[in-house]
């Protein structure tokens, strides 16, 4: 088998997603109404098949020793494989949320699922990019698909507004990114991260203004996708205007992809400049946590509250990236928290879809008054997701934040660790306020005879909620295996492979 075919075989999960997106487009030809469920089922099957390919690769030890693919522009390592798992799980949950919601909101099925798969492909390539031009192309594949996804609810003006805002601001972020890549190339004469790392130290470029300016612009471009303050202004309007399943997917997967790229760039390409970029990340993480939580406090629309909350969680994850000195523990904390956050935030959005009866309605805090009396299981699930987002034990959110705190302490960033705890305490106010409305407020009568409105009966939506609940509970009560795997993936990034497998 030629080298090119071996490289393609190593990209089996990405290949499944790419071919699946094309199949979904072909299946959508003809009478759309009759084919909608078939298209959704096919998209879900594609994601499950890609997940199986990722799991098979991990169990067979693929990625323990990083493989350079296509002359080194991509790398297949455990780090990329685990992030692929986070992206794929997020996509699967988003598809389950969208089956009935897409019908009610009249969202074209072919476009929805094909674009979701294409954006997923961009994320997977982004996590595996070991070269800046490849990273930029992957970034654009992801971005263009998500711009369109945000505006697919064509009968809602807010959706078109969200897509336009996201596109215009995203174009600026892409400009920053490509300009930063050009400056880095001008300083180092290469775009390969490994070569950049060697030339920064070997050529004495530690204080080179061109290189530092390029790195700053690259971080701005990636920071936009990660919703890091002060590049977060687009988040509330875009998240509120986009269809709910798309918002859930963006909140979990797009953010995880941005941090996957950021750690690859910083840890593999600019590690010798850590003394410069780490204090910057310290400040950005602190500001992002405080701004996100403070802005979420007055919100009474739950979709908008979760949007501001997602900014705060971007700050928590960025704190893990700032703990560079902790090595594989820092990478592992970010990986684990990305998985945990995907489960709990998509689960919360799933309850919004359920309460809204597969529409964009009933998102106000008042709509959840007395929910526990009317629909106790749905209220219990929402409570679980909210207390996990707040970081209360024994949920997965608590373990995720604890792991980030341990990385911060090991990196001697005690001040940032204190700020993370304080920010989490602030978040208790708006998360527990929703719980109070569900359990301690009398339900408001609705309808002509005072009958309470039923929730969505979508089977796929209920499956999504059960999956999210199971992940939050299991990752909270039995975190050891996932934490160990995440930290092992960190070793493949920070040390270039697992030493025992290299004979080291």
Protein backbone atom coordinates (compact mmCIF):
# COMPACT_ATOMS: atom_id res chain seq x y z
CA UNK A 1 0.00 0.00 0.00
CA UNK A 2 1.38 3.41 -0.96
CA UNK A 3 2.07 6.06 1.64
CA UNK A 4 -0.84 8.20 0.42
CA UNK A 5 -3.30 5.32 0.84
CA UNK A 6 -1.95 4.55 4.31
CA UNK A 7 -2.43 8.19 5.25
CA UNK A 8 -6.00 8.11 3.95
CA UNK A 9 -6.68 4.94 5.93
CA UNK A 10 -5.45 6.70 9.07
CA UNK A 11 -8.09 9.38 8.43
CA UNK A 12 -10.96 6.88 8.39
CA UNK A 13 -13.20 8.89 10.80
CA UNK A 14 -12.79 12.05 8.71
CA UNK A 15 -13.41 10.07 5.52
CA UNK A 16 -16.63 8.60 6.91
CA UNK A 17 -17.90 12.07 7.81
CA UNK A 18 -16.96 13.55 4.41
CA UNK A 19 -18.60 10.74 2.42
CA UNK A 20 -21.60 10.80 4.75
CA UNK A 21 -22.17 14.50 4.07
CA UNK A 22 -22.30 13.78 0.32
CA UNK A 23 -24.67 10.84 0.83
CA UNK A 24 -26.99 13.04 2.91
CA UNK A 25 -27.12 15.60 0.09
CA UNK A 26 -28.05 12.94 -2.47
CA UNK A 27 -30.70 11.41 -0.21
CA UNK A 28 -32.38 14.79 0.14
CA UNK A 29 -33.13 14.98 -3.58
CA UNK A 30 -36.81 14.68 -4.42
CA UNK A 31 -39.72 14.96 -2.02
CA UNK A 32 -38.18 16.44 1.09
CA UNK A 33 -41.04 15.89 3.49
CA UNK A 34 -41.04 12.12 3.04
CA UNK A 35 -37.24 11.88 3.14
CA UNK A 36 -36.61 14.02 6.24
CA UNK A 37 -36.49 11.14 8.74
CA UNK A 38 -34.33 9.08 6.37
CA UNK A 39 -31.86 11.95 6.01
CA UNK A 40 -31.72 12.50 9.77
CA UNK A 41 -31.26 8.79 10.42
CA UNK A 42 -28.48 8.60 7.84
CA UNK A 43 -26.68 11.57 9.38
CA UNK A 44 -26.91 9.97 12.82
CA UNK A 45 -25.63 6.65 11.41
CA UNK A 46 -22.67 8.44 9.81
CA UNK A 47 -21.74 10.03 13.13
CA UNK A 48 -22.08 6.73 15.00
CA UNK A 49 -19.90 5.00 12.38
CA UNK A 50 -17.24 7.71 12.74
CA UNK A 51 -17.43 7.37 16.53
CA UNK A 52 -16.91 3.63 16.17
CA UNK A 53 -13.88 4.28 13.94
CA UNK A 54 -12.43 6.62 16.57
CA UNK A 55 -13.06 4.11 19.37
CA UNK A 56 -11.49 1.31 17.31
CA UNK A 57 -8.42 3.44 16.60
CA UNK A 58 -7.99 4.24 20.30
CA UNK A 59 -8.40 0.62 21.44
CA UNK A 60 -5.84 -0.49 18.85
CA UNK A 61 -3.30 2.00 20.14
CA UNK A 62 -3.40 4.29 17.13
CA UNK A 63 -2.13 7.73 18.07
CA UNK A 64 -0.06 6.67 21.07
CA UNK A 65 2.90 7.40 18.80
CA UNK A 66 1.88 10.41 16.64
CA UNK A 67 1.69 9.67 12.91
CA UNK A 68 2.63 12.43 10.47
CA UNK A 69 0.24 12.35 7.50
CA UNK A 70 0.55 13.90 4.05
CA UNK A 71 4.08 15.22 4.47
CA UNK A 72 3.36 16.36 8.01
CA UNK A 73 0.44 18.76 7.46
CA UNK A 74 -1.80 16.55 9.62
CA UNK A 75 -0.99 14.43 12.64
CA UNK A 76 -2.91 11.43 13.96
CA UNK A 77 -2.42 11.23 17.72
CA UNK A 78 -4.52 10.38 20.75
CA UNK A 79 -5.05 14.09 21.38
CA UNK A 80 -6.80 14.57 18.03
CA UNK A 81 -8.73 11.30 18.35
CA UNK A 82 -10.21 12.24 21.72
CA UNK A 83 -11.22 15.66 20.49
CA UNK A 84 -12.81 13.92 17.50
CA UNK A 85 -14.85 11.95 20.01
CA UNK A 86 -16.05 15.17 21.66
CA UNK A 87 -17.04 16.67 18.28
CA UNK A 88 -18.83 13.52 17.15
CA UNK A 89 -20.73 13.10 20.41
CA UNK A 90 -21.84 16.73 20.23
CA UNK A 91 -22.99 16.25 16.63
CA UNK A 92 -24.94 13.11 17.51
CA UNK A 93 -26.76 14.85 20.35
CA UNK A 94 -27.48 17.86 18.11
CA UNK A 95 -28.95 15.59 15.42
CA UNK A 96 -31.21 13.92 17.97
CA UNK A 97 -32.39 17.36 19.11
CA UNK A 98 -33.13 18.47 15.56
CA UNK A 99 -35.30 15.66 14.15
CA UNK A 100 -38.70 16.96 15.27
CA UNK A 101 -37.51 20.53 15.81
CA UNK A 102 -36.46 20.79 12.15
CA UNK A 103 -39.92 19.69 11.03
CA UNK A 104 -41.72 22.20 13.24
CA UNK A 105 -39.42 25.08 12.28
CA UNK A 106 -39.42 24.08 8.56
CA UNK A 107 -35.63 23.79 8.37
CA UNK A 108 -34.46 22.01 5.18
CA UNK A 109 -33.20 18.61 6.29
CA UNK A 110 -30.59 18.08 3.59
CA UNK A 111 -28.92 21.42 4.16
CA UNK A 112 -29.09 21.07 7.95
CA UNK A 113 -27.43 17.67 8.22
CA UNK A 114 -24.99 18.07 5.33
CA UNK A 115 -23.73 21.37 6.71
CA UNK A 116 -23.51 19.93 10.19
CA UNK A 117 -21.36 17.08 8.86
CA UNK A 118 -19.18 19.43 6.82
CA UNK A 119 -18.62 21.62 9.88
CA UNK A 120 -17.80 18.45 11.82
CA UNK A 121 -15.21 17.55 9.17
CA UNK A 122 -13.62 20.99 9.58
CA UNK A 123 -13.40 20.49 13.35
CA UNK A 124 -11.77 17.09 13.04
CA UNK A 125 -9.17 18.38 10.58
CA UNK A 126 -8.59 21.44 12.77
CA UNK A 127 -7.71 19.28 15.79
CA UNK A 128 -5.27 17.28 13.63
CA UNK A 129 -3.62 20.23 11.86
CA UNK A 130 0.13 20.39 12.38
CA UNK A 131 0.65 23.19 9.85
CA UNK A 132 -0.82 26.69 9.85
CA UNK A 133 -2.21 26.81 6.29
CA UNK A 134 -3.97 23.48 6.85
CA UNK A 135 -5.26 24.88 10.12
CA UNK A 136 -6.65 27.95 8.33
CA UNK A 137 -8.39 25.87 5.65
CA UNK A 138 -9.93 23.61 8.30
CA UNK A 139 -11.00 26.71 10.23
CA UNK A 140 -12.79 28.04 7.14
CA UNK A 141 -14.50 24.72 6.35
CA UNK A 142 -15.87 24.80 9.89
CA UNK A 143 -16.76 28.48 9.82
CA UNK A 144 -18.59 28.70 6.49
CA UNK A 145 -20.80 25.72 7.35
CA UNK A 146 -21.72 27.15 10.76
CA UNK A 147 -22.47 30.61 9.30
CA UNK A 148 -25.15 29.01 7.13
CA UNK A 149 -26.42 26.73 9.91
CA UNK A 150 -27.13 29.77 12.08
CA UNK A 151 -29.49 31.18 9.43
CA UNK A 152 -31.35 28.03 8.38
CA UNK A 153 -34.57 28.88 10.26
CA UNK A 154 -35.73 31.01 7.34
CA UNK A 155 -39.14 31.90 8.73
CA UNK A 156 -37.52 33.65 11.71
CA UNK A 157 -35.92 37.05 11.15
CA UNK A 158 -33.70 36.51 14.20
CA UNK A 159 -32.06 33.55 12.49
CA UNK A 160 -31.10 35.58 9.42
CA UNK A 161 -29.79 38.33 11.68
CA UNK A 162 -27.70 35.79 13.61
CA UNK A 163 -26.17 34.39 10.43
CA UNK A 164 -25.33 37.87 9.11
CA UNK A 165 -23.71 38.99 12.38
CA UNK A 166 -21.76 35.77 12.69
CA UNK A 167 -20.57 35.97 9.09
CA UNK A 168 -19.46 39.59 9.24
CA UNK A 169 -17.58 39.24 12.52
CA UNK A 170 -16.26 35.83 11.50
CA UNK A 171 -14.80 37.32 8.33
CA UNK A 172 -12.81 39.75 10.46
CA UNK A 173 -11.56 36.92 12.65
CA UNK A 174 -10.48 34.96 9.57
CA UNK A 175 -8.59 38.03 8.38
CA UNK A 176 -6.76 38.27 11.70
CA UNK A 177 -5.90 34.57 11.53
CA UNK A 178 -4.51 34.57 7.98
CA UNK A 179 -2.57 37.80 8.58
CA UNK A 180 -1.08 36.29 11.73
CA UNK A 181 -0.02 33.19 9.77
CA UNK A 182 1.64 35.43 7.19
CA UNK A 183 3.61 37.26 9.88
CA UNK A 184 4.73 34.01 11.50
CA UNK A 185 5.88 32.74 8.11
CA UNK A 186 7.74 35.98 7.53
CA UNK A 187 9.60 35.53 10.81
CA UNK A 188 10.33 31.78 10.57
CA UNK A 189 10.08 30.93 6.83
CA UNK A 190 7.84 27.95 7.65
CA UNK A 191 4.24 27.19 8.56
CA UNK A 192 4.87 23.78 10.17
CA UNK A 193 4.41 23.94 13.93
CA UNK A 194 7.32 21.62 14.72
CA UNK A 195 9.64 23.66 12.49
CA UNK A 196 8.41 26.91 14.04
CA UNK A 197 9.24 25.56 17.52
CA UNK A 198 12.77 24.62 16.50
CA UNK A 199 13.45 27.89 14.70
CA UNK A 200 12.13 30.09 17.51
CA UNK A 201 14.85 28.76 19.79
CA UNK A 202 17.46 27.96 17.16
CA UNK A 203 17.32 31.32 15.37
CA UNK A 204 16.99 33.45 18.49
CA UNK A 205 13.47 34.71 17.70
CA UNK A 206 12.19 34.88 21.28
CA UNK A 207 11.78 38.65 21.11
CA UNK A 208 11.07 39.00 17.40
CA UNK A 209 8.31 41.61 16.92
CA UNK A 210 7.09 40.02 13.66
CA UNK A 211 6.72 36.63 15.30
CA UNK A 212 4.99 38.00 18.40
CA UNK A 213 2.61 40.07 16.28
CA UNK A 214 1.74 37.02 14.20
CA UNK A 215 1.08 34.92 17.30
CA UNK A 216 -1.14 37.65 18.75
CA UNK A 217 -3.25 37.80 15.56
CA UNK A 218 -3.57 34.00 15.44
CA UNK A 219 -4.83 34.00 19.03
CA UNK A 220 -7.37 36.70 18.18
CA UNK A 221 -8.70 34.61 15.29
CA UNK A 222 -9.00 31.49 17.41
CA UNK A 223 -10.29 33.46 20.40
CA UNK A 224 -13.26 34.62 18.34
CA UNK A 225 -14.37 31.03 17.72
CA UNK A 226 -13.81 30.15 21.37
CA UNK A 227 -15.94 33.15 22.51
CA UNK A 228 -13.15 34.51 24.69
CA UNK A 229 -13.55 38.08 25.98
CA UNK A 230 -13.18 40.65 24.50
CA UNK A 231 -14.02 38.72 21.29
CA UNK A 232 -17.34 37.44 22.64
CA UNK A 233 -19.82 40.17 21.65
CA UNK A 234 -21.37 38.06 18.88
CA UNK A 235 -22.32 35.16 21.16
CA UNK A 236 -25.66 36.17 22.78
CA UNK A 237 -27.31 37.42 19.58
CA UNK A 238 -26.05 34.57 17.41
CA UNK A 239 -26.90 31.87 19.95
CA UNK A 240 -30.37 33.31 20.52
CA UNK A 241 -31.14 33.70 16.80
CA UNK A 242 -29.80 30.35 15.59
CA UNK A 243 -32.04 27.24 15.74
CA UNK A 244 -31.80 25.56 19.13
CA UNK A 245 -30.02 22.37 17.94
CA UNK A 246 -27.49 24.51 16.06
CA UNK A 247 -26.94 26.68 19.14
CA UNK A 248 -26.31 23.55 21.22
CA UNK A 249 -23.84 22.25 18.64
CA UNK A 250 -22.03 25.59 18.40
CA UNK A 251 -21.82 25.99 22.17
CA UNK A 252 -20.19 22.58 22.65
CA UNK A 253 -18.37 21.53 19.48
CA UNK A 254 -17.22 24.82 17.94
CA UNK A 255 -15.78 25.95 21.26
CA UNK A 256 -13.99 22.63 21.74
CA UNK A 257 -12.54 22.85 18.21
CA UNK A 258 -11.17 26.32 18.90
CA UNK A 259 -9.42 25.19 22.07
CA UNK A 260 -8.10 22.06 20.34
CA UNK A 261 -6.46 24.30 17.73
CA UNK A 262 -5.21 26.78 20.34
CA UNK A 263 -3.43 24.12 22.39
CA UNK A 264 -1.92 22.51 19.30
CA UNK A 265 -0.55 25.88 18.15
CA UNK A 266 0.71 27.06 21.55
CA UNK A 267 2.03 23.81 22.99
CA UNK A 268 3.55 22.40 19.78
CA UNK A 269 4.63 25.55 17.95
CA UNK A 270 5.20 28.32 20.48
CA UNK A 271 6.14 26.53 23.69
CA UNK A 272 9.37 28.56 23.98
CA UNK A 273 7.25 31.73 24.10
CA UNK A 274 5.13 30.46 26.99
CA UNK A 275 6.52 33.13 29.31
CA UNK A 276 4.95 35.71 26.97
CA UNK A 277 1.61 34.18 26.04
CA UNK A 278 0.78 32.54 29.38
CA UNK A 279 0.25 35.85 31.27
CA UNK A 280 -1.94 37.03 28.39
CA UNK A 281 -4.09 33.92 28.67
CA UNK A 282 -4.23 34.43 32.45
CA UNK A 283 -5.79 37.86 31.99
CA UNK A 284 -8.13 36.76 29.18
CA UNK A 285 -9.34 33.77 31.21
CA UNK A 286 -10.05 35.92 34.26
CA UNK A 287 -11.91 38.56 32.24
CA UNK A 288 -13.88 35.94 30.30
CA UNK A 289 -15.05 34.14 33.44
CA UNK A 290 -16.14 37.33 35.16
CA UNK A 291 -17.77 38.96 32.13
CA UNK A 292 -19.70 35.83 31.17
CA UNK A 293 -21.07 35.22 34.65
CA UNK A 294 -21.87 38.87 35.33
CA UNK A 295 -23.77 39.22 32.05
CA UNK A 296 -25.75 36.02 32.67
CA UNK A 297 -27.15 37.21 36.01
CA UNK A 298 -29.88 39.58 34.72
CA UNK A 299 -31.03 37.30 31.87
CA UNK A 300 -34.57 35.95 32.01
CA UNK A 301 -34.45 34.22 28.62
CA UNK A 302 -32.83 30.83 29.24
CA UNK A 303 -31.37 30.54 25.77
CA UNK A 304 -29.65 33.87 26.19
CA UNK A 305 -28.59 32.98 29.74
CA UNK A 306 -26.92 29.81 28.48
CA UNK A 307 -25.21 31.89 25.79
CA UNK A 308 -23.59 34.17 28.37
CA UNK A 309 -22.89 31.12 30.51
CA UNK A 310 -20.99 29.58 27.60
CA UNK A 311 -18.68 32.61 27.63
CA UNK A 312 -17.90 31.95 31.29
CA UNK A 313 -17.17 28.31 30.53
CA UNK A 314 -14.82 29.40 27.76
CA UNK A 315 -12.95 31.23 30.52
CA UNK A 316 -12.75 28.07 32.61
CA UNK A 317 -11.31 26.10 29.69
CA UNK A 318 -8.91 28.92 28.84
CA UNK A 319 -7.65 28.77 32.42
CA UNK A 320 -6.72 25.15 31.74
CA UNK A 321 -4.81 26.22 28.62
CA UNK A 322 -3.02 28.91 30.66
CA UNK A 323 -1.79 26.20 33.04
CA UNK A 324 0.82 25.26 30.42
CA UNK A 325 3.45 24.54 33.07
CA UNK A 326 1.33 21.62 34.29
CA UNK A 327 2.03 19.85 30.99
CA UNK A 328 -0.18 16.87 30.24
CA UNK A 329 -2.42 17.68 33.22
CA UNK A 330 -3.35 20.99 31.60
CA UNK A 331 -4.17 19.31 28.28
CA UNK A 332 -6.07 16.54 30.04
CA UNK A 333 -8.15 19.02 32.04
CA UNK A 334 -9.18 20.87 28.87
CA UNK A 335 -10.03 17.63 27.06
CA UNK A 336 -12.07 16.26 29.94
CA UNK A 337 -13.92 19.52 30.52
CA UNK A 338 -14.73 19.81 26.81
CA UNK A 339 -16.42 16.40 26.94
CA UNK A 340 -18.25 17.18 30.17
CA UNK A 341 -19.39 20.58 28.95
CA UNK A 342 -20.73 19.09 25.71
CA UNK A 343 -22.92 16.67 27.67
CA UNK A 344 -24.30 19.14 30.19
CA UNK A 345 -24.89 22.13 27.90
CA UNK A 346 -26.48 20.12 25.08
CA UNK A 347 -28.59 18.40 27.71
CA UNK A 348 -29.78 21.80 28.97
CA UNK A 349 -30.62 22.91 25.43
CA UNK A 350 -32.48 19.62 24.93
CA UNK A 351 -34.75 20.50 27.86
CA UNK A 352 -35.38 23.89 26.22
CA UNK A 353 -36.46 22.08 23.05
CA UNK A 354 -38.64 19.74 25.09
CA UNK A 355 -40.36 22.51 27.05
CA UNK A 356 -40.79 24.50 23.84
CA UNK A 357 -42.46 21.50 22.19
CA UNK A 358 -39.85 21.32 19.40
CA UNK A 359 -40.13 25.03 18.62
CA UNK A 360 -38.32 28.23 19.61
CA UNK A 361 -41.09 29.12 22.07
CA UNK A 362 -41.28 29.06 25.88
CA UNK A 363 -37.70 30.01 26.65
CA UNK A 364 -38.49 32.56 29.36
CA UNK A 365 -37.87 31.89 33.02
CA UNK A 366 -41.60 32.21 33.75
CA UNK A 367 -42.27 29.26 31.45
CA UNK A 368 -40.41 27.02 33.92
CA UNK A 369 -42.47 28.06 36.92
CA UNK A 370 -43.62 24.91 38.73
CA UNK A 371 -42.19 22.58 36.07
CA UNK A 372 -41.34 20.00 38.74
CA UNK A 373 -45.02 19.63 39.64
CA UNK A 374 -46.09 19.18 36.03
CA UNK A 375 -43.17 17.22 34.59
CA UNK A 376 -40.94 16.00 37.43
CA UNK A 377 -38.51 13.97 35.31
CA UNK A 378 -37.80 16.82 32.92
CA UNK A 379 -37.28 19.20 35.86
CA UNK A 380 -34.93 16.70 37.50
CA UNK A 381 -32.87 16.39 34.30
CA UNK A 382 -32.68 20.17 33.92
CA UNK A 383 -31.61 20.48 37.56
CA UNK A 384 -28.86 17.94 37.04
CA UNK A 385 -27.52 19.83 34.02
CA UNK A 386 -27.65 23.20 35.80
CA UNK A 387 -25.92 22.08 38.98
CA UNK A 388 -23.29 20.38 36.84
CA UNK A 389 -22.76 23.61 34.90
CA UNK A 390 -22.42 25.36 38.25
CA UNK A 391 -19.80 22.82 39.31
CA UNK A 392 -21.55 21.26 42.30
CA UNK A 393 -20.61 17.71 43.42
CA UNK A 394 -21.04 14.88 42.62
CA UNK A 395 -21.63 15.85 39.00
CA UNK A 396 -19.22 15.72 36.08
CA UNK A 397 -19.02 19.51 36.03
CA UNK A 398 -17.54 19.47 39.53
CA UNK A 399 -14.88 16.92 38.54
CA UNK A 400 -14.06 18.91 35.41
CA UNK A 401 -13.51 22.14 37.33
CA UNK A 402 -11.57 20.30 40.02
CA UNK A 403 -9.22 18.90 37.39
CA UNK A 404 -8.65 22.40 35.97
CA UNK A 405 -8.00 23.73 39.49
CA UNK A 406 -5.41 21.01 40.12
CA UNK A 407 -3.66 21.92 36.86
CA UNK A 408 -3.66 25.61 37.86
CA UNK A 409 -2.22 24.83 41.28
CA UNK A 410 0.47 22.64 39.78
CA UNK A 411 1.33 25.47 37.36
CA UNK A 412 1.47 27.85 40.36
CA UNK A 413 -1.38 29.99 39.06
CA UNK A 414 -3.08 30.21 42.44
CA UNK A 415 -4.64 33.59 41.72
CA UNK A 416 -6.42 32.29 38.62
CA UNK A 417 -7.57 29.25 40.58
CA UNK A 418 -9.16 31.53 43.20
CA UNK A 419 -10.87 33.57 40.48
CA UNK A 420 -12.26 30.37 38.91
CA UNK A 421 -13.79 29.38 42.24
CA UNK A 422 -15.26 32.85 42.77
CA UNK A 423 -16.69 32.88 39.23
CA UNK A 424 -18.30 29.50 39.85
CA UNK A 425 -19.87 30.84 43.05
CA UNK A 426 -21.32 33.77 41.09
CA UNK A 427 -22.82 31.34 38.57
CA UNK A 428 -24.77 29.61 41.34
CA UNK A 429 -27.14 32.57 41.43
CA UNK A 430 -28.53 32.29 37.92
CA UNK A 431 -28.35 28.49 37.67
CA UNK A 432 -30.12 27.88 40.97
CA UNK A 433 -32.66 30.60 40.20
CA UNK A 434 -33.99 28.35 37.43
CA UNK A 435 -34.10 25.43 39.87
CA UNK A 436 -36.02 27.59 42.34
CA UNK A 437 -38.59 28.47 39.69
CA UNK A 438 -39.06 24.81 38.79
CA UNK A 439 -39.41 23.51 42.36
CA UNK A 440 -40.46 26.39 44.62
CA UNK A 441 -42.84 28.42 42.47
CA UNK A 442 -46.46 27.56 41.81
CA UNK A 443 -47.16 26.56 38.20
CA UNK A 444 -48.90 29.16 36.09
CA UNK A 445 -52.19 28.08 34.57
CA UNK A 446 -52.40 28.04 30.79
CA UNK A 447 -55.07 27.38 28.28
CA UNK A 448 -58.80 28.14 28.39
CA UNK A 449 -59.46 25.61 31.17
CA UNK A 450 -56.26 26.16 33.08
CA UNK A 451 -54.69 22.95 31.76
CA UNK A 452 -50.92 22.77 31.64
CA UNK A 453 -49.27 22.39 28.26
CA UNK A 454 -47.60 19.09 27.45
CA UNK A 455 -43.94 18.74 26.55
CA UNK A 456 -42.45 17.38 23.37
CA UNK A 457 -43.00 13.67 22.80
CA UNK A 458 -40.14 13.29 20.34
CA UNK A 459 -38.40 9.94 20.91
CA UNK A 460 -35.06 11.18 19.55
CA UNK A 461 -35.16 14.15 21.91
CA UNK A 462 -35.80 11.89 24.90
CA UNK A 463 -32.90 9.67 23.85
CA UNK A 464 -30.65 12.76 23.71
CA UNK A 465 -31.68 13.78 27.24
CA UNK A 466 -31.06 10.27 28.58
CA UNK A 467 -27.63 10.14 26.91
CA UNK A 468 -26.68 13.52 28.38
CA UNK A 469 -27.92 12.53 31.84
CA UNK A 470 -25.97 9.28 31.70
CA UNK A 471 -22.77 11.07 30.69
CA UNK A 472 -23.07 13.72 33.41
CA UNK A 473 -23.75 11.12 36.10
CA UNK A 474 -21.18 8.54 35.00
CA UNK A 475 -18.40 11.06 34.35
CA UNK A 476 -19.11 12.54 37.78
CA UNK A 477 -19.25 9.30 39.78
CA UNK A 478 -16.67 7.30 37.81
CA UNK A 479 -14.26 9.81 36.27
CA UNK A 480 -11.00 7.85 36.59
CA UNK A 481 -10.94 6.14 33.19
CA UNK A 482 -11.87 9.28 31.25
CA UNK A 483 -9.42 11.44 33.22
CA UNK A 484 -6.59 8.96 32.69
CA UNK A 485 -7.28 8.75 28.97
CA UNK A 486 -7.44 12.55 28.68
CA UNK A 487 -4.15 12.98 30.51
CA UNK A 488 -2.54 10.31 28.34
CA UNK A 489 -3.66 12.27 25.30
CA UNK A 490 -1.96 15.28 26.85
CA UNK A 491 1.30 13.34 26.94
CA UNK A 492 1.06 12.66 23.20
CA UNK A 493 0.84 16.41 22.60
CA UNK A 494 3.33 17.75 25.12
CA UNK A 495 5.92 14.97 24.86
CA UNK A 496 5.43 13.77 21.29
CA UNK A 497 4.11 10.34 22.29
CA UNK A 498 3.81 8.06 25.27
CA UNK A 499 7.39 7.46 26.54
CA UNK A 500 6.91 3.80 27.49
CA UNK A 501 5.79 3.04 23.94
CA UNK A 502 8.84 4.81 22.54
CA UNK A 503 11.14 2.84 24.75
CA UNK A 504 11.82 6.01 26.76
